[in-house]
Amino acid sequence: MTIQEAQKQVDNWIKKYGVRYFNELTNMALLTEEVGELARIIARKHGEQSFKENESDTSMADELADILWVLICLANQSGINLTDAFEKNIIKKTNRDNKRHLENEKITPNDRRKKLL
């Protein structure tokens, strides 16, 4: 599925089952909530916290999909074509950061940096 197809599918679902989009402020709050749910899972799976006794091992994939859903809703209701926006974002990051990470001693060992440059 392309990003454009995902945007259309979400829009169709909203029109058929959701009545209307929640307003942008509500969707921003929902996005924050979903990111918090993902953070909880990551803290327990990869961090130092453990799952509580009554807490299930919730799916990261499901939480990421929830985040994507709300992002698509915000894009749709704001008239943003995410494919175009994402392509422009890759160009921006490439122009801005094309050497930044390769030259970062904290993440790239010195011998590898020399080979890449």
PDB file of N, CA and C in Angstrom:
ATOM      1  N   MET A   1       0.844  -1.176   0.000  1.00  0.00           N
ATOM      2  CA  MET A   1       0.000   0.000   0.000  1.00  0.00           C
ATOM      3  C   MET A   1       0.889   1.239   0.000  1.00  0.00           C
ATOM      4  N   THR A   2       0.590   2.174  -0.845  1.00  0.00           N
ATOM      5  CA  THR A   2       1.325   3.437  -0.872  1.00  0.00           C
ATOM      6  C   THR A   2       0.788   4.370   0.211  1.00  0.00           C
ATOM      7  N   ILE A   3       1.530   5.426   0.471  1.00  0.00           N
ATOM      8  CA  ILE A   3       1.059   6.425   1.433  1.00  0.00           C
ATOM      9  C   ILE A   3      -0.232   7.054   0.928  1.00  0.00           C
ATOM     10  N   GLN A   4      -0.278   7.346  -0.359  1.00  0.00           N
ATOM     11  CA  GLN A   4      -1.488   7.936  -0.955  1.00  0.00           C
ATOM     12  C   GLN A   4      -2.685   6.996  -0.797  1.00  0.00           C
ATOM     13  N   GLU A   5      -2.479   5.709  -1.000  1.00  0.00           N
ATOM     14  CA  GLU A   5      -3.565   4.740  -0.818  1.00  0.00           C
ATOM     15  C   GLU A   5      -4.003   4.680   0.640  1.00  0.00           C
ATOM     16  N   ALA A   6      -3.044   4.765   1.554  1.00  0.00           N
ATOM     17  CA  ALA A   6      -3.377   4.773   2.977  1.00  0.00           C
ATOM     18  C   ALA A   6      -4.204   5.998   3.329  1.00  0.00           C
ATOM     19  N   GLN A   7      -3.830   7.146   2.785  1.00  0.00           N
ATOM     20  CA  GLN A   7      -4.602   8.366   3.055  1.00  0.00           C
ATOM     21  C   GLN A   7      -6.033   8.208   2.544  1.00  0.00           C
ATOM     22  N   LYS A   8      -6.203   7.636   1.371  1.00  0.00           N
ATOM     23  CA  LYS A   8      -7.540   7.435   0.800  1.00  0.00           C
ATOM     24  C   LYS A   8      -8.328   6.421   1.627  1.00  0.00           C
ATOM     25  N   GLN A   9      -7.673   5.342   2.058  1.00  0.00           N
ATOM     26  CA  GLN A   9      -8.360   4.316   2.838  1.00  0.00           C
ATOM     27  C   GLN A   9      -8.844   4.866   4.179  1.00  0.00           C
ATOM     28  N   VAL A  10      -8.008   5.658   4.841  1.00  0.00           N
ATOM     29  CA  VAL A  10      -8.424   6.277   6.105  1.00  0.00           C
ATOM     30  C   VAL A  10      -9.597   7.219   5.855  1.00  0.00           C
ATOM     31  N   ASP A  11      -9.504   8.028   4.809  1.00  0.00           N
ATOM     32  CA  ASP A  11     -10.587   8.958   4.492  1.00  0.00           C
ATOM     33  C   ASP A  11     -11.894   8.213   4.231  1.00  0.00           C
ATOM     34  N   ASN A  12     -11.824   7.138   3.470  1.00  0.00           N
ATOM     35  CA  ASN A  12     -13.026   6.334   3.204  1.00  0.00           C
ATOM     36  C   ASN A  12     -13.593   5.749   4.495  1.00  0.00           C
ATOM     37  N   TRP A  13     -12.728   5.271   5.382  1.00  0.00           N
ATOM     38  CA  TRP A  13     -13.192   4.688   6.636  1.00  0.00           C
ATOM     39  C   TRP A  13     -13.877   5.741   7.492  1.00  0.00           C
ATOM     40  N   ILE A  14     -13.261   6.915   7.579  1.00  0.00           N
ATOM     41  CA  ILE A  14     -13.846   8.007   8.372  1.00  0.00           C
ATOM     42  C   ILE A  14     -15.238   8.342   7.837  1.00  0.00           C
ATOM     43  N   LYS A  15     -15.360   8.453   6.529  1.00  0.00           N
ATOM     44  CA  LYS A  15     -16.649   8.806   5.927  1.00  0.00           C
ATOM     45  C   LYS A  15     -17.694   7.716   6.118  1.00  0.00           C
ATOM     46  N   LYS A  16     -17.269   6.456   6.139  1.00  0.00           N
ATOM     47  CA  LYS A  16     -18.224   5.351   6.262  1.00  0.00           C
ATOM     48  C   LYS A  16     -18.559   5.026   7.720  1.00  0.00           C
ATOM     49  N   TYR A  17     -17.558   5.023   8.591  1.00  0.00           N
ATOM     50  CA  TYR A  17     -17.765   4.568   9.972  1.00  0.00           C
ATOM     51  C   TYR A  17     -17.542   5.647  11.037  1.00  0.00           C
ATOM     52  N   GLY A  18     -16.760   6.639  10.724  1.00  0.00           N
ATOM     53  CA  GLY A  18     -16.360   7.604  11.744  1.00  0.00           C
ATOM     54  C   GLY A  18     -17.198   8.862  11.809  1.00  0.00           C
ATOM     55  N   VAL A  19     -18.160   8.992  10.936  1.00  0.00           N
ATOM     56  CA  VAL A  19     -19.041  10.156  10.849  1.00  0.00           C
ATOM     57  C   VAL A  19     -18.282  11.371  10.310  1.00  0.00           C
ATOM     58  N   ARG A  20     -17.199  11.774  11.001  1.00  0.00           N
ATOM     59  CA  ARG A  20     -16.375  12.904  10.572  1.00  0.00           C
ATOM     60  C   ARG A  20     -15.034  12.790  11.273  1.00  0.00           C
ATOM     61  N   TYR A  21     -14.075  13.575  10.805  1.00  0.00           N
ATOM     62  CA  TYR A  21     -12.782  13.634  11.491  1.00  0.00           C
ATOM     63  C   TYR A  21     -12.971  14.350  12.829  1.00  0.00           C
ATOM     64  N   PHE A  22     -12.256  13.896  13.860  1.00  0.00           N
ATOM     65  CA  PHE A  22     -12.171  14.682  15.081  1.00  0.00           C
ATOM     66  C   PHE A  22     -11.428  15.964  14.726  1.00  0.00           C
ATOM     67  N   ASN A  23     -11.642  17.026  15.487  1.00  0.00           N
ATOM     68  CA  ASN A  23     -10.917  18.253  15.169  1.00  0.00           C
ATOM     69  C   ASN A  23      -9.421  18.065  15.414  1.00  0.00           C
ATOM     70  N   GLU A  24      -8.629  18.982  14.882  1.00  0.00           N
ATOM     71  CA  GLU A  24      -7.172  18.850  14.939  1.00  0.00           C
ATOM     72  C   GLU A  24      -6.640  18.787  16.367  1.00  0.00           C
ATOM     73  N   LEU A  25      -7.234  19.547  17.269  1.00  0.00           N
ATOM     74  CA  LEU A  25      -6.776  19.527  18.655  1.00  0.00           C
ATOM     75  C   LEU A  25      -7.022  18.151  19.287  1.00  0.00           C
ATOM     76  N   THR A  26      -8.191  17.592  19.035  1.00  0.00           N
ATOM     77  CA  THR A  26      -8.489  16.250  19.553  1.00  0.00           C
ATOM     78  C   THR A  26      -7.527  15.237  18.956  1.00  0.00           C
ATOM     79  N   ASN A  27      -7.289  15.318  17.644  1.00  0.00           N
ATOM     80  CA  ASN A  27      -6.359  14.382  17.018  1.00  0.00           C
ATOM     81  C   ASN A  27      -4.940  14.547  17.541  1.00  0.00           C
ATOM     82  N   MET A  28      -4.539  15.764  17.861  1.00  0.00           N
ATOM     83  CA  MET A  28      -3.201  15.969  18.438  1.00  0.00           C
ATOM     84  C   MET A  28      -3.123  15.302  19.807  1.00  0.00           C
ATOM     85  N   ALA A  29      -4.187  15.433  20.598  1.00  0.00           N
ATOM     86  CA  ALA A  29      -4.216  14.769  21.909  1.00  0.00           C
ATOM     87  C   ALA A  29      -4.185  13.253  21.743  1.00  0.00           C
ATOM     88  N   LEU A  30      -4.928  12.741  20.760  1.00  0.00           N
ATOM     89  CA  LEU A  30      -4.921  11.296  20.497  1.00  0.00           C
ATOM     90  C   LEU A  30      -3.544  10.821  20.046  1.00  0.00           C
ATOM     91  N   LEU A  31      -2.879  11.620  19.217  1.00  0.00           N
ATOM     92  CA  LEU A  31      -1.533  11.269  18.768  1.00  0.00           C
ATOM     93  C   LEU A  31      -0.580  11.187  19.954  1.00  0.00           C
ATOM     94  N   THR A  32      -0.673  12.149  20.838  1.00  0.00           N
ATOM     95  CA  THR A  32       0.169  12.153  22.037  1.00  0.00           C
ATOM     96  C   THR A  32      -0.105  10.915  22.889  1.00  0.00           C
ATOM     97  N   GLU A  33      -1.368  10.559  23.028  1.00  0.00           N
ATOM     98  CA  GLU A  33      -1.747   9.368  23.781  1.00  0.00           C
ATOM     99  C   GLU A  33      -1.148   8.110  23.149  1.00  0.00           C
ATOM    100  N   GLU A  34      -1.251   7.991  21.832  1.00  0.00           N
ATOM    101  CA  GLU A  34      -0.729   6.804  21.151  1.00  0.00           C
ATOM    102  C   GLU A  34       0.794   6.720  21.254  1.00  0.00           C
ATOM    103  N   VAL A  35       1.475   7.853  21.144  1.00  0.00           N
ATOM    104  CA  VAL A  35       2.930   7.857  21.293  1.00  0.00           C
ATOM    105  C   VAL A  35       3.302   7.441  22.713  1.00  0.00           C
ATOM    106  N   GLY A  36       2.524   7.872  23.694  1.00  0.00           N
ATOM    107  CA  GLY A  36       2.754   7.457  25.079  1.00  0.00           C
ATOM    108  C   GLY A  36       2.594   5.958  25.260  1.00  0.00           C
ATOM    109  N   GLU A  37       1.612   5.374  24.583  1.00  0.00           N
ATOM    110  CA  GLU A  37       1.417   3.919  24.663  1.00  0.00           C
ATOM    111  C   GLU A  37       2.604   3.184  24.045  1.00  0.00           C
ATOM    112  N   LEU A  38       3.128   3.699  22.940  1.00  0.00           N
ATOM    113  CA  LEU A  38       4.316   3.103  22.339  1.00  0.00           C
ATOM    114  C   LEU A  38       5.514   3.244  23.278  1.00  0.00           C
ATOM    115  N   ALA A  39       5.658   4.411  23.883  1.00  0.00           N
ATOM    116  CA  ALA A  39       6.767   4.637  24.808  1.00  0.00           C
ATOM    117  C   ALA A  39       6.716   3.659  25.981  1.00  0.00           C
ATOM    118  N   ARG A  40       5.523   3.378  26.473  1.00  0.00           N
ATOM    119  CA  ARG A  40       5.374   2.427  27.582  1.00  0.00           C
ATOM    120  C   ARG A  40       5.890   1.053  27.180  1.00  0.00           C
ATOM    121  N   ILE A  41       5.519   0.605  25.982  1.00  0.00           N
ATOM    122  CA  ILE A  41       5.963  -0.713  25.510  1.00  0.00           C
ATOM    123  C   ILE A  41       7.484  -0.742  25.347  1.00  0.00           C
ATOM    124  N   ILE A  42       8.037   0.291  24.734  1.00  0.00           N
ATOM    125  CA  ILE A  42       9.482   0.333  24.511  1.00  0.00           C
ATOM    126  C   ILE A  42      10.234   0.365  25.839  1.00  0.00           C
ATOM    127  N   ALA A  43       9.719   1.131  26.809  1.00  0.00           N
ATOM    128  CA  ALA A  43      10.365   1.191  28.125  1.00  0.00           C
ATOM    129  C   ALA A  43      10.386  -0.178  28.802  1.00  0.00           C
ATOM    130  N   ARG A  44       9.354  -0.978  28.540  1.00  0.00           N
ATOM    131  CA  ARG A  44       9.277  -2.280  29.180  1.00  0.00           C
ATOM    132  C   ARG A  44      10.021  -3.361  28.392  1.00  0.00           C
ATOM    133  N   LYS A  45       9.988  -3.281  27.079  1.00  0.00           N
ATOM    134  CA  LYS A  45      10.667  -4.292  26.256  1.00  0.00           C
ATOM    135  C   LYS A  45      12.167  -4.032  26.139  1.00  0.00           C
ATOM    136  N   HIS A  46      12.549  -2.767  26.010  1.00  0.00           N
ATOM    137  CA  HIS A  46      13.941  -2.450  25.716  1.00  0.00           C
ATOM    138  C   HIS A  46      14.618  -1.633  26.803  1.00  0.00           C
ATOM    139  N   GLY A  47      13.834  -1.092  27.704  1.00  0.00           N
ATOM    140  CA  GLY A  47      14.391  -0.285  28.785  1.00  0.00           C
ATOM    141  C   GLY A  47      14.509  -1.090  30.070  1.00  0.00           C
ATOM    142  N   GLU A  48      14.592  -0.382  31.145  1.00  0.00           N
ATOM    143  CA  GLU A  48      14.815  -1.012  32.438  1.00  0.00           C
ATOM    144  C   GLU A  48      13.533  -1.346  33.184  1.00  0.00           C
ATOM    145  N   GLN A  49      12.389  -0.913  32.661  1.00  0.00           N
ATOM    146  CA  GLN A  49      11.133  -1.234  33.318  1.00  0.00           C
ATOM    147  C   GLN A  49      10.663  -2.624  32.894  1.00  0.00           C
ATOM    148  N   SER A  50       9.808  -3.209  33.716  1.00  0.00           N
ATOM    149  CA  SER A  50       9.201  -4.488  33.361  1.00  0.00           C
ATOM    150  C   SER A  50       7.687  -4.299  33.320  1.00  0.00           C
ATOM    151  N   PHE A  51       7.024  -5.228  32.646  1.00  0.00           N
ATOM    152  CA  PHE A  51       5.567  -5.163  32.589  1.00  0.00           C
ATOM    153  C   PHE A  51       5.009  -5.404  33.977  1.00  0.00           C
ATOM    154  N   LYS A  52       3.950  -4.674  34.314  1.00  0.00           N
ATOM    155  CA  LYS A  52       3.271  -4.878  35.591  1.00  0.00           C
ATOM    156  C   LYS A  52       2.538  -6.206  35.538  1.00  0.00           C
ATOM    157  N   GLU A  53       2.169  -6.714  36.699  1.00  0.00           N
ATOM    158  CA  GLU A  53       1.521  -8.018  36.791  1.00  0.00           C
ATOM    159  C   GLU A  53       0.255  -8.096  35.938  1.00  0.00           C
ATOM    160  N   ASN A  54      -0.544  -7.040  35.944  1.00  0.00           N
ATOM    161  CA  ASN A  54      -1.807  -7.046  35.202  1.00  0.00           C
ATOM    162  C   ASN A  54      -1.683  -6.430  33.808  1.00  0.00           C
ATOM    163  N   GLU A  55      -0.448  -6.136  33.384  1.00  0.00           N
ATOM    164  CA  GLU A  55      -0.201  -5.463  32.109  1.00  0.00           C
ATOM    165  C   GLU A  55       0.228  -6.497  31.070  1.00  0.00           C
ATOM    166  N   SER A  56      -0.402  -6.456  29.912  1.00  0.00           N
ATOM    167  CA  SER A  56      -0.041  -7.414  28.871  1.00  0.00           C
ATOM    168  C   SER A  56       1.083  -6.881  28.006  1.00  0.00           C
ATOM    169  N   ASP A  57       1.735  -7.779  27.310  1.00  0.00           N
ATOM    170  CA  ASP A  57       2.799  -7.430  26.369  1.00  0.00           C
ATOM    171  C   ASP A  57       2.143  -6.942  25.085  1.00  0.00           C
ATOM    172  N   THR A  58       1.756  -5.668  25.077  1.00  0.00           N
ATOM    173  CA  THR A  58       1.033  -5.082  23.951  1.00  0.00           C
ATOM    174  C   THR A  58       1.938  -5.001  22.731  1.00  0.00           C
ATOM    175  N   SER A  59       1.348  -5.030  21.575  1.00  0.00           N
ATOM    176  CA  SER A  59       2.082  -5.063  20.318  1.00  0.00           C
ATOM    177  C   SER A  59       2.598  -3.692  19.902  1.00  0.00           C
ATOM    178  N   MET A  60       3.905  -3.609  19.686  1.00  0.00           N
ATOM    179  CA  MET A  60       4.490  -2.374  19.152  1.00  0.00           C
ATOM    180  C   MET A  60       3.926  -2.073  17.773  1.00  0.00           C
ATOM    181  N   ALA A  61       3.728  -3.119  16.976  1.00  0.00           N
ATOM    182  CA  ALA A  61       3.203  -2.926  15.617  1.00  0.00           C
ATOM    183  C   ALA A  61       1.832  -2.263  15.662  1.00  0.00           C
ATOM    184  N   ASP A  62       0.990  -2.703  16.580  1.00  0.00           N
ATOM    185  CA  ASP A  62      -0.341  -2.131  16.697  1.00  0.00           C
ATOM    186  C   ASP A  62      -0.274  -0.661  17.119  1.00  0.00           C
ATOM    187  N   GLU A  63       0.606  -0.352  18.053  1.00  0.00           N
ATOM    188  CA  GLU A  63       0.734   1.034  18.511  1.00  0.00           C
ATOM    189  C   GLU A  63       1.304   1.923  17.404  1.00  0.00           C
ATOM    190  N   LEU A  64       2.276   1.424  16.648  1.00  0.00           N
ATOM    191  CA  LEU A  64       2.801   2.199  15.522  1.00  0.00           C
ATOM    192  C   LEU A  64       1.720   2.442  14.481  1.00  0.00           C
ATOM    193  N   ALA A  65       0.879   1.439  14.245  1.00  0.00           N
ATOM    194  CA  ALA A  65      -0.225   1.604  13.298  1.00  0.00           C
ATOM    195  C   ALA A  65      -1.228   2.633  13.812  1.00  0.00           C
ATOM    196  N   ASP A  66      -1.483   2.641  15.118  1.00  0.00           N
ATOM    197  CA  ASP A  66      -2.374   3.661  15.696  1.00  0.00           C
ATOM    198  C   ASP A  66      -1.799   5.061  15.475  1.00  0.00           C
ATOM    199  N   ILE A  67      -0.495   5.208  15.658  1.00  0.00           N
ATOM    200  CA  ILE A  67       0.162   6.502  15.447  1.00  0.00           C
ATOM    201  C   ILE A  67       0.046   6.913  13.988  1.00  0.00           C
ATOM    202  N   LEU A  68       0.304   5.977  13.092  1.00  0.00           N
ATOM    203  CA  LEU A  68       0.203   6.264  11.657  1.00  0.00           C
ATOM    204  C   LEU A  68      -1.212   6.683  11.292  1.00  0.00           C
ATOM    205  N   TRP A  69      -2.204   6.010  11.855  1.00  0.00           N
ATOM    206  CA  TRP A  69      -3.611   6.343  11.596  1.00  0.00           C
ATOM    207  C   TRP A  69      -3.898   7.810  11.942  1.00  0.00           C
ATOM    208  N   VAL A  70      -3.493   8.218  13.146  1.00  0.00           N
ATOM    209  CA  VAL A  70      -3.781   9.589  13.580  1.00  0.00           C
ATOM    210  C   VAL A  70      -2.984  10.592  12.748  1.00  0.00           C
ATOM    211  N   LEU A  71      -1.745  10.266  12.398  1.00  0.00           N
ATOM    212  CA  LEU A  71      -0.966  11.153  11.530  1.00  0.00           C
ATOM    213  C   LEU A  71      -1.652  11.335  10.180  1.00  0.00           C
ATOM    214  N   ILE A  72      -2.167  10.241   9.650  1.00  0.00           N
ATOM    215  CA  ILE A  72      -2.878  10.323   8.368  1.00  0.00           C
ATOM    216  C   ILE A  72      -4.143  11.157   8.519  1.00  0.00           C
ATOM    217  N   CYS A  73      -4.853  10.992   9.607  1.00  0.00           N
ATOM    218  CA  CYS A  73      -6.045  11.822   9.842  1.00  0.00           C
ATOM    219  C   CYS A  73      -5.679  13.298   9.852  1.00  0.00           C
ATOM    220  N   LEU A  74      -4.624  13.655  10.568  1.00  0.00           N
ATOM    221  CA  LEU A  74      -4.198  15.051  10.628  1.00  0.00           C
ATOM    222  C   LEU A  74      -3.802  15.564   9.244  1.00  0.00           C
ATOM    223  N   ALA A  75      -3.119  14.749   8.472  1.00  0.00           N
ATOM    224  CA  ALA A  75      -2.734  15.156   7.114  1.00  0.00           C
ATOM    225  C   ALA A  75      -3.965  15.342   6.246  1.00  0.00           C
ATOM    226  N   ASN A  76      -4.877  14.389   6.287  1.00  0.00           N
ATOM    227  CA  ASN A  76      -6.083  14.472   5.455  1.00  0.00           C
ATOM    228  C   ASN A  76      -6.893  15.722   5.765  1.00  0.00           C
ATOM    229  N   GLN A  77      -7.121  15.974   7.028  1.00  0.00           N
ATOM    230  CA  GLN A  77      -7.975  17.102   7.373  1.00  0.00           C
ATOM    231  C   GLN A  77      -7.260  18.438   7.166  1.00  0.00           C
ATOM    232  N   SER A  78      -5.944  18.390   6.987  1.00  0.00           N
ATOM    233  CA  SER A  78      -5.181  19.615   6.720  1.00  0.00           C
ATOM    234  C   SER A  78      -4.845  19.771   5.243  1.00  0.00           C
ATOM    235  N   GLY A  79      -5.306  18.820   4.423  1.00  0.00           N
ATOM    236  CA  GLY A  79      -5.061  18.896   2.988  1.00  0.00           C
ATOM    237  C   GLY A  79      -3.616  18.635   2.598  1.00  0.00           C
ATOM    238  N   ILE A  80      -2.920  17.816   3.374  1.00  0.00           N
ATOM    239  CA  ILE A  80      -1.507  17.533   3.111  1.00  0.00           C
ATOM    240  C   ILE A  80      -1.367  16.192   2.404  1.00  0.00           C
ATOM    241  N   ASN A  81      -0.665  16.206   1.281  1.00  0.00           N
ATOM    242  CA  ASN A  81      -0.319  14.985   0.573  1.00  0.00           C
ATOM    243  C   ASN A  81       0.958  14.457   1.221  1.00  0.00           C
ATOM    244  N   LEU A  82       0.837  13.383   1.976  1.00  0.00           N
ATOM    245  CA  LEU A  82       1.986  12.872   2.726  1.00  0.00           C
ATOM    246  C   LEU A  82       3.090  12.335   1.826  1.00  0.00           C
ATOM    247  N   THR A  83       2.734  11.828   0.654  1.00  0.00           N
ATOM    248  CA  THR A  83       3.768  11.357  -0.271  1.00  0.00           C
ATOM    249  C   THR A  83       4.668  12.520  -0.653  1.00  0.00           C
ATOM    250  N   ASP A  84       4.082  13.624  -1.087  1.00  0.00           N
ATOM    251  CA  ASP A  84       4.866  14.810  -1.457  1.00  0.00           C
ATOM    252  C   ASP A  84       5.657  15.345  -0.265  1.00  0.00           C
ATOM    253  N   ALA A  85       4.994  15.425   0.880  1.00  0.00           N
ATOM    254  CA  ALA A  85       5.652  15.957   2.075  1.00  0.00           C
ATOM    255  C   ALA A  85       6.838  15.084   2.477  1.00  0.00           C
ATOM    256  N   PHE A  86       6.663  13.764   2.396  1.00  0.00           N
ATOM    257  CA  PHE A  86       7.739  12.843   2.791  1.00  0.00           C
ATOM    258  C   PHE A  86       8.903  12.919   1.808  1.00  0.00           C
ATOM    259  N   GLU A  87       8.605  12.987   0.519  1.00  0.00           N
ATOM    260  CA  GLU A  87       9.673  13.104  -0.482  1.00  0.00           C
ATOM    261  C   GLU A  87      10.472  14.391  -0.275  1.00  0.00           C
ATOM    262  N   LYS A  88       9.791  15.497  -0.005  1.00  0.00           N
ATOM    263  CA  LYS A  88      10.477  16.773   0.264  1.00  0.00           C
ATOM    264  C   LYS A  88      11.303  16.678   1.551  1.00  0.00           C
ATOM    265  N   ASN A  89      10.795  15.944   2.540  1.00  0.00           N
ATOM    266  CA  ASN A  89      11.491  15.793   3.802  1.00  0.00           C
ATOM    267  C   ASN A  89      12.783  14.998   3.629  1.00  0.00           C
ATOM    268  N   ILE A  90      12.755  13.972   2.795  1.00  0.00           N
ATOM    269  CA  ILE A  90      13.971  13.192   2.526  1.00  0.00           C
ATOM    270  C   ILE A  90      15.024  14.081   1.863  1.00  0.00           C
ATOM    271  N   ILE A  91      14.605  14.896   0.912  1.00  0.00           N
ATOM    272  CA  ILE A  91      15.534  15.816   0.246  1.00  0.00           C
ATOM    273  C   ILE A  91      16.118  16.796   1.258  1.00  0.00           C
ATOM    274  N   LYS A  92      15.268  17.356   2.119  1.00  0.00           N
ATOM    275  CA  LYS A  92      15.729  18.294   3.147  1.00  0.00           C
ATOM    276  C   LYS A  92      16.765  17.638   4.060  1.00  0.00           C
ATOM    277  N   LYS A  93      16.458  16.440   4.539  1.00  0.00           N
ATOM    278  CA  LYS A  93      17.379  15.742   5.438  1.00  0.00           C
ATOM    279  C   LYS A  93      18.684  15.384   4.733  1.00  0.00           C
ATOM    280  N   THR A  94      18.597  14.983   3.486  1.00  0.00           N
ATOM    281  CA  THR A  94      19.797  14.630   2.730  1.00  0.00           C
ATOM    282  C   THR A  94      20.690  15.855   2.554  1.00  0.00           C
ATOM    283  N   ASN A  95      20.105  16.971   2.165  1.00  0.00           N
ATOM    284  CA  ASN A  95      20.888  18.199   1.987  1.00  0.00           C
ATOM    285  C   ASN A  95      21.490  18.683   3.300  1.00  0.00           C
ATOM    286  N   ARG A  96      20.742  18.558   4.358  1.00  0.00           N
ATOM    287  CA  ARG A  96      21.185  19.080   5.656  1.00  0.00           C
ATOM    288  C   ARG A  96      22.157  18.135   6.365  1.00  0.00           C
ATOM    289  N   ASP A  97      21.909  16.834   6.255  1.00  0.00           N
ATOM    290  CA  ASP A  97      22.615  15.867   7.101  1.00  0.00           C
ATOM    291  C   ASP A  97      23.450  14.846   6.341  1.00  0.00           C
ATOM    292  N   ASN A  98      23.759  15.101   5.062  1.00  0.00           N
ATOM    293  CA  ASN A  98      24.419  14.068   4.270  1.00  0.00           C
ATOM    294  C   ASN A  98      25.807  13.682   4.783  1.00  0.00           C
ATOM    295  N   LYS A  99      26.432  14.510   5.600  1.00  0.00           N
ATOM    296  CA  LYS A  99      27.731  14.151   6.193  1.00  0.00           C
ATOM    297  C   LYS A  99      27.690  14.152   7.719  1.00  0.00           C
ATOM    298  N   ARG A 100      26.670  14.770   8.265  1.00  0.00           N
ATOM    299  CA  ARG A 100      26.611  14.984   9.714  1.00  0.00           C
ATOM    300  C   ARG A 100      26.748  13.684  10.504  1.00  0.00           C
ATOM    301  N   HIS A 101      26.002  12.669  10.151  1.00  0.00           N
ATOM    302  CA  HIS A 101      26.032  11.418  10.925  1.00  0.00           C
ATOM    303  C   HIS A 101      27.272  10.594  10.602  1.00  0.00           C
ATOM    304  N   LEU A 102      27.709  10.651   9.348  1.00  0.00           N
ATOM    305  CA  LEU A 102      28.918   9.921   8.956  1.00  0.00           C
ATOM    306  C   LEU A 102      30.151  10.452   9.676  1.00  0.00           C
ATOM    307  N   GLU A 103      30.136  11.731  10.002  1.00  0.00           N
ATOM    308  CA  GLU A 103      31.268  12.360  10.676  1.00  0.00           C
ATOM    309  C   GLU A 103      31.119  12.397  12.194  1.00  0.00           C
ATOM    310  N   ASN A 104      30.059  11.844  12.698  1.00  0.00           N
ATOM    311  CA  ASN A 104      29.784  11.866  14.133  1.00  0.00           C
ATOM    312  C   ASN A 104      30.554  10.732  14.823  1.00  0.00           C
ATOM    313  N   GLU A 105      31.534  11.082  15.607  1.00  0.00           N
ATOM    314  CA  GLU A 105      32.352  10.091  16.305  1.00  0.00           C
ATOM    315  C   GLU A 105      31.544   9.244  17.284  1.00  0.00           C
ATOM    316  N   LYS A 106      30.433   9.782  17.732  1.00  0.00           N
ATOM    317  CA  LYS A 106      29.619   9.058  18.706  1.00  0.00           C
ATOM    318  C   LYS A 106      28.912   7.855  18.094  1.00  0.00           C
ATOM    319  N   ILE A 107      28.666   7.900  16.774  1.00  0.00           N
ATOM    320  CA  ILE A 107      27.914   6.797  16.160  1.00  0.00           C
ATOM    321  C   ILE A 107      28.656   6.068  15.045  1.00  0.00           C
ATOM    322  N   THR A 108      29.733   6.661  14.518  1.00  0.00           N
ATOM    323  CA  THR A 108      30.468   6.032  13.430  1.00  0.00           C
ATOM    324  C   THR A 108      31.924   5.871  13.845  1.00  0.00           C
ATOM    325  N   PRO A 109      32.405   4.631  13.945  1.00  0.00           N
ATOM    326  CA  PRO A 109      33.820   4.434  14.294  1.00  0.00           C
ATOM    327  C   PRO A 109      34.736   5.146  13.299  1.00  0.00           C
ATOM    328  N   ASN A 110      35.869   5.608  13.763  1.00  0.00           N
ATOM    329  CA  ASN A 110      36.793   6.405  12.967  1.00  0.00           C
ATOM    330  C   ASN A 110      37.208   5.707  11.674  1.00  0.00           C
ATOM    331  N   ASP A 111      37.533   4.406  11.708  1.00  0.00           N
ATOM    332  CA  ASP A 111      37.975   3.706  10.500  1.00  0.00           C
ATOM    333  C   ASP A 111      36.855   3.616   9.468  1.00  0.00           C
ATOM    334  N   ARG A 112      35.640   3.469   9.902  1.00  0.00           N
ATOM    335  CA  ARG A 112      34.495   3.425   8.974  1.00  0.00           C
ATOM    336  C   ARG A 112      34.250   4.811   8.375  1.00  0.00           C
ATOM    337  N   ARG A 113      34.400   5.869   9.166  1.00  0.00           N
ATOM    338  CA  ARG A 113      34.215   7.224   8.677  1.00  0.00           C
ATOM    339  C   ARG A 113      35.172   7.525   7.545  1.00  0.00           C
ATOM    340  N   LYS A 114      36.411   7.109   7.682  1.00  0.00           N
ATOM    341  CA  LYS A 114      37.419   7.369   6.652  1.00  0.00           C
ATOM    342  C   LYS A 114      37.042   6.691   5.345  1.00  0.00           C
ATOM    343  N   LYS A 115      36.501   5.478   5.402  1.00  0.00           N
ATOM    344  CA  LYS A 115      36.104   4.747   4.208  1.00  0.00           C
ATOM    345  C   LYS A 115      34.915   5.409   3.520  1.00  0.00           C
ATOM    346  N   LEU A 116      33.985   5.941   4.310  1.00  0.00           N
ATOM    347  CA  LEU A 116      32.772   6.533   3.757  1.00  0.00           C
ATOM    348  C   LEU A 116      33.029   7.896   3.139  1.00  0.00           C
ATOM    349  N   LEU A 117      34.027   8.604   3.646  1.00  0.00           N
ATOM    350  CA  LEU A 117      34.298   9.951   3.137  1.00  0.00           C
ATOM    351  C   LEU A 117      35.287   9.855   2.034  1.00  0.00           C
TER     352      LEU A 117
END
